Protein backbone atom coordinates (compact mmCIF):
# COMPACT_ATOMS: atom_id res chain seq x y z
CA UNK A 1 -60.02 69.70 125.41
CA UNK A 2 -61.78 66.35 125.17
CA UNK A 3 -65.55 65.99 125.10
CA UNK A 4 -65.91 64.63 128.64
CA UNK A 5 -63.75 67.37 130.17
CA UNK A 6 -65.48 70.13 128.20
CA UNK A 7 -68.93 68.92 129.23
CA UNK A 8 -67.89 68.49 132.87
CA UNK A 9 -66.58 72.04 133.03
CA UNK A 10 -69.71 73.46 131.37
CA UNK A 11 -72.17 72.51 134.14
CA UNK A 12 -72.27 73.58 137.80
CA UNK A 13 -70.88 71.20 140.41
CA UNK A 14 -74.13 70.42 142.22
CA UNK A 15 -74.19 66.61 141.97
CA UNK A 16 -73.34 64.24 144.81
CA UNK A 17 -69.65 63.30 144.85
CA UNK A 18 -68.27 60.48 146.96
CA UNK A 19 -65.08 60.87 148.94
CA UNK A 20 -63.26 58.92 146.20
CA UNK A 21 -64.68 61.25 143.50
CA UNK A 22 -63.47 64.30 145.40
CA UNK A 23 -60.06 62.77 146.13
CA UNK A 24 -59.56 61.91 142.45
CA UNK A 25 -61.06 65.22 141.24
CA UNK A 26 -63.83 63.31 139.44
CA UNK A 27 -67.33 64.58 138.77
CA UNK A 28 -70.28 62.58 140.09
CA UNK A 29 -72.07 62.83 136.73
CA UNK A 30 -69.97 60.10 135.12
CA UNK A 31 -70.25 56.37 135.50
CA UNK A 32 -67.01 54.97 136.90
CA UNK A 33 -64.68 53.68 134.19
CA UNK A 34 -66.32 55.94 131.58
CA UNK A 35 -64.17 56.41 128.50
CA UNK A 36 -64.47 58.04 125.14
CA UNK A 37 -64.17 56.11 121.91
CA UNK A 38 -63.35 57.64 118.57
CA UNK A 39 -65.38 56.04 115.82
CA UNK A 40 -62.87 54.74 113.31
CA UNK A 41 -64.97 53.89 110.26
CA UNK A 42 -68.48 53.09 108.99
CA UNK A 43 -68.32 49.52 110.32
CA UNK A 44 -67.34 50.75 113.80
CA UNK A 45 -70.14 53.35 113.72
CA UNK A 46 -72.70 50.70 112.72
CA UNK A 47 -71.53 48.34 115.49
CA UNK A 48 -71.89 51.07 118.11
CA UNK A 49 -75.33 52.09 116.85
CA UNK A 50 -76.38 48.43 116.99
CA UNK A 51 -75.07 48.23 120.55
CA UNK A 52 -77.03 51.33 121.59
CA UNK A 53 -80.25 50.13 119.99
CA UNK A 54 -79.92 46.56 121.30
CA UNK A 55 -79.17 47.53 124.92
CA UNK A 56 -82.82 47.85 126.08
CA UNK A 57 -83.49 44.36 124.66
CA UNK A 58 -80.33 42.91 126.21
CA UNK A 59 -81.26 44.24 129.65
CA UNK A 60 -84.88 43.06 129.43
CA UNK A 61 -86.46 46.52 129.26
CA UNK A 62 -88.01 45.79 125.85
CA UNK A 63 -88.74 42.66 123.84
CA UNK A 64 -87.52 44.28 120.63
CA UNK A 65 -85.66 47.47 119.71
CA UNK A 66 -88.91 48.90 118.30
CA UNK A 67 -90.55 48.58 121.74
CA UNK A 68 -88.15 51.00 123.47
CA UNK A 69 -89.78 54.45 123.11
CA UNK A 70 -86.70 56.52 124.06
CA UNK A 71 -84.54 55.42 121.14
CA UNK A 72 -83.28 56.96 117.92
CA UNK A 73 -84.08 53.56 116.46
CA UNK A 74 -87.53 54.81 115.38
CA UNK A 75 -86.08 57.70 113.38
CA UNK A 76 -83.57 55.37 111.73
CA UNK A 77 -86.36 52.94 110.76
CA UNK A 78 -88.16 55.85 109.06
CA UNK A 79 -84.94 56.66 107.18
CA UNK A 80 -84.56 53.02 106.08
CA UNK A 81 -81.39 52.35 108.09
CA UNK A 82 -82.96 49.56 110.16
CA UNK A 83 -85.90 47.27 109.42
CA UNK A 84 -88.68 47.71 111.97
CA UNK A 85 -88.27 44.10 113.19
CA UNK A 86 -84.50 44.43 113.84
CA UNK A 87 -83.53 42.93 117.22
CA UNK A 88 -86.94 41.41 117.65
CA UNK A 89 -85.76 37.82 117.73
CA UNK A 90 -82.86 35.82 119.16
CA UNK A 91 -79.89 38.13 118.65
CA UNK A 92 -77.35 35.92 120.39
CA UNK A 93 -75.06 35.98 117.37
CA UNK A 94 -75.32 39.74 116.81
CA UNK A 95 -71.89 41.37 116.99
CA UNK A 96 -72.52 44.75 118.64
CA UNK A 97 -70.42 47.17 120.65
CA UNK A 98 -66.70 47.11 121.19
CA UNK A 99 -64.50 45.13 118.89
CA UNK A 100 -61.67 43.16 120.45
CA UNK A 101 -59.47 43.60 117.35
């Protein structure tokens, strides 16, 4: 059983479900077009972690990754994985998230 299906079956069905959700037997807890991705290697893992940590900056919720208090970024800075000033400047050339390979 995949992760999404296992999680969906583990919680009670109390969330709002649209007519489309019910018709398609979809739970209302998932964003439409949600999909799972299997991390393929260290490079893929790093790209996805970058994507996750850069998202609050990209969407204007923080000026830098370090400014978003709800992130694992802070723990990874303590472990030396990221420098504290990562994603604190123009990151227009940063390659994060899904690869189109």
